[in-house]
C-alpha atoms as a PDB file:
ATOM      1  CA  MET A   1      13.618   0.189 -23.347  1.00  0.00           C
ATOM      2  CA  THR A   2      15.809   0.804 -20.402  1.00  0.00           C
ATOM      3  CA  THR A   3      14.597   0.698 -16.866  1.00  0.00           C
ATOM      4  CA  CYS A   4      14.512   3.667 -14.520  1.00  0.00           C
ATOM      5  CA  LEU A   5      12.861   1.683 -11.736  1.00  0.00           C
ATOM      6  CA  SER A   6      15.980   0.260 -10.264  1.00  0.00           C
ATOM      7  CA  SER A   7      19.571  -0.179 -11.202  1.00  0.00           C
ATOM      8  CA  ARG A   8      19.784  -3.131  -8.858  1.00  0.00           C
ATOM      9  CA  TRP A   9      19.475  -6.507 -10.535  1.00  0.00           C
ATOM     10  CA  VAL A  10      19.859  -9.842  -8.773  1.00  0.00           C
ATOM     11  CA  THR A  11      19.637 -13.436  -9.941  1.00  0.00           C
ATOM     12  CA  GLY A  12      16.216 -14.860  -9.182  1.00  0.00           C
ATOM     13  CA  ASP A  13      12.774 -15.797 -10.496  1.00  0.00           C
ATOM     14  CA  CYS A  14      10.448 -13.650 -12.618  1.00  0.00           C
ATOM     15  CA  TRP A  15       7.000 -13.305 -11.050  1.00  0.00           C
ATOM     16  CA  LEU A  16       5.467 -11.137 -13.778  1.00  0.00           C
ATOM     17  CA  GLY A  17       4.410 -13.657 -16.352  1.00  0.00           C
ATOM     18  CA  CYS A  18       7.185 -15.633 -17.981  1.00  0.00           C
ATOM     19  CA  THR A  19       7.975 -17.503 -14.723  1.00  0.00           C
ATOM     20  CA  ARG A  20      11.557 -18.076 -15.856  1.00  0.00           C
ATOM     21  CA  THR A  21      14.066 -18.801 -13.128  1.00  0.00           C
ATOM     22  CA  ASP A  22      17.721 -18.122 -12.431  1.00  0.00           C
ATOM     23  CA  LEU A  23      17.999 -14.914 -14.470  1.00  0.00           C
ATOM     24  CA  PRO A  24      18.574 -11.207 -13.705  1.00  0.00           C
ATOM     25  CA  VAL A  25      15.476  -9.701 -12.053  1.00  0.00           C
ATOM     26  CA  THR A  26      14.644  -6.394 -10.391  1.00  0.00           C
ATOM     27  CA  TRP A  27      12.203  -5.570  -7.595  1.00  0.00           C
ATOM     28  CA  LEU A  28       8.884  -3.921  -8.542  1.00  0.00           C
ATOM     29  CA  GLY A  29       7.449  -3.736  -5.059  1.00  0.00           C
ATOM     30  CA  PRO A  30       5.840  -5.960  -2.467  1.00  0.00           C
ATOM     31  CA  VAL A  31       3.044  -8.419  -3.139  1.00  0.00           C
ATOM     32  CA  GLN A  32       0.684  -8.079  -0.180  1.00  0.00           C
ATOM     33  CA  TRP A  33      -1.995 -10.645   0.512  1.00  0.00           C
ATOM     34  CA  ASP A  34      -3.785 -11.655   3.676  1.00  0.00           C
ATOM     35  CA  GLY A  35      -1.275  -9.900   5.900  1.00  0.00           C
ATOM     36  CA  GLN A  36       1.744 -11.475   4.208  1.00  0.00           C
ATOM     37  CA  HIS A  37       4.405  -9.867   2.008  1.00  0.00           C
ATOM     38  CA  ALA A  38       6.589 -11.249  -0.784  1.00  0.00           C
ATOM     39  CA  PRO A  39       9.010  -9.521  -3.179  1.00  0.00           C
ATOM     40  CA  PHE A  40       7.532  -8.913  -6.649  1.00  0.00           C
ATOM     41  CA  MET A  41      10.428  -9.483  -9.050  1.00  0.00           C
ATOM     42  CA  THR A  42      10.545  -9.171 -12.844  1.00  0.00           C
ATOM     43  CA  CYS A  43      12.984  -9.898 -15.639  1.00  0.00           C
ATOM     44  CA  GLU A  44      13.932  -7.262 -18.210  1.00  0.00           C
ATOM     45  CA  ASP A  45      11.749  -8.741 -20.971  1.00  0.00           C
ATOM     46  CA  CYS A  46       8.615  -8.741 -18.804  1.00  0.00           C
ATOM     47  CA  LEU A  47       9.419  -5.292 -17.418  1.00  0.00           C
ATOM     48  CA  ASN A  48       9.727  -3.879 -20.927  1.00  0.00           C
ATOM     49  CA  ARG A  49       6.400  -5.475 -21.923  1.00  0.00           C
ATOM     50  CA  LEU A  50       4.722  -4.005 -18.824  1.00  0.00           C
ATOM     51  CA  LYS A  51       6.209  -0.564 -19.464  1.00  0.00           C
ATOM     52  CA  ALA A  52       5.035  -0.606 -23.100  1.00  0.00           C
ATOM     53  CA  GLN A  53       1.532  -1.620 -22.019  1.00  0.00           C
ATOM     54  CA  ALA A  54       1.450   1.124 -19.378  1.00  0.00           C
ATOM     55  CA  LEU A  55       2.701   3.724 -21.861  1.00  0.00           C
ATOM     56  CA  THR A  56      -0.076   2.776 -24.296  1.00  0.00           C
ATOM     57  CA  TYR A  57      -2.594   3.193 -21.464  1.00  0.00           C
ATOM     58  CA  PHE A  58      -1.120   6.535 -20.364  1.00  0.00           C
ATOM     59  CA  MET A  59      -1.216   7.869 -23.914  1.00  0.00           C
ATOM     60  CA  GLY A  60      -4.904   7.013 -24.220  1.00  0.00           C
ATOM     61  CA  GLY A  61      -4.447   4.087 -26.557  1.00  0.00           C
ATOM     62  CA  SER A  62      -6.146   0.762 -26.314  1.00  0.00           C
ATOM     63  CA  SER A  63      -7.360  -0.181 -22.878  1.00  0.00           C
ATOM     64  CA  PRO A  64      -8.319  -3.543 -21.433  1.00  0.00           C
ATOM     65  CA  ALA A  65     -11.457  -4.912 -23.098  1.00  0.00           C
ATOM     66  CA  SER A  66     -13.295  -5.027 -19.771  1.00  0.00           C
ATOM     67  CA  TYR A  67     -12.763  -1.293 -19.132  1.00  0.00           C
ATOM     68  CA  GLU A  68     -15.717   0.806 -20.168  1.00  0.00           C
ATOM     69  CA  GLY A  69     -15.921   4.549 -20.083  1.00  0.00           C
ATOM     70  CA  LYS A  70     -13.355   7.284 -20.371  1.00  0.00           C
ATOM     71  CA  ARG A  71     -10.214   7.301 -18.287  1.00  0.00           C
ATOM     72  CA  ARG A  72      -9.179  10.307 -16.292  1.00  0.00           C
ATOM     73  CA  ALA A  73      -5.747  10.988 -14.869  1.00  0.00           C
ATOM     74  CA  THR A  74      -7.231  10.784 -11.368  1.00  0.00           C
ATOM     75  CA  ASP A  75      -9.173   7.564 -11.960  1.00  0.00           C
ATOM     76  CA  HIS A  76      -7.054   4.785 -10.481  1.00  0.00           C
ATOM     77  CA  ARG A  77      -9.756   2.183  -9.974  1.00  0.00           C
ATOM     78  CA  LEU A  78      -9.415  -1.198 -11.622  1.00  0.00           C
ATOM     79  CA  PRO A  79     -12.133  -2.394 -13.989  1.00  0.00           C
ATOM     80  CA  GLU A  80     -14.767  -4.629 -12.429  1.00  0.00           C
ATOM     81  CA  ALA A  81     -14.042  -8.308 -12.873  1.00  0.00           C
ATOM     82  CA  THR A  82     -16.843 -10.250 -14.512  1.00  0.00           C
ATOM     83  CA  ASP A  83     -17.492 -13.961 -14.660  1.00  0.00           C
ATOM     84  CA  VAL A  84     -14.839 -14.708 -12.063  1.00  0.00           C
ATOM     85  CA  SER A  85     -15.530 -17.622  -9.774  1.00  0.00           C
ATOM     86  CA  ARG A  86     -13.981 -17.678  -6.336  1.00  0.00           C
ATOM     87  CA  PRO A  87     -12.963 -20.859  -4.570  1.00  0.00           C
ATOM     88  CA  SER A  88     -15.241 -21.700  -1.654  1.00  0.00           C
END
């Protein structure tokens, strides 16, 4: 797959899953948490995996196991998390 997100690649760290460092990455958007922002960067391998997973979802294929019910194009809510403990 080729990327249409950005043609701008820089050397950096992948934040999307592989956590590799010092490789070409592109910006996906900001990570925002508790009033702070950080750049969300991904390598080509992780970006291609994410795009394939999204395409499967868009085409009505397999969805996350925790998602119940039918998806609609206008339904952008995330599935409810279950059995997740939060630090106190």
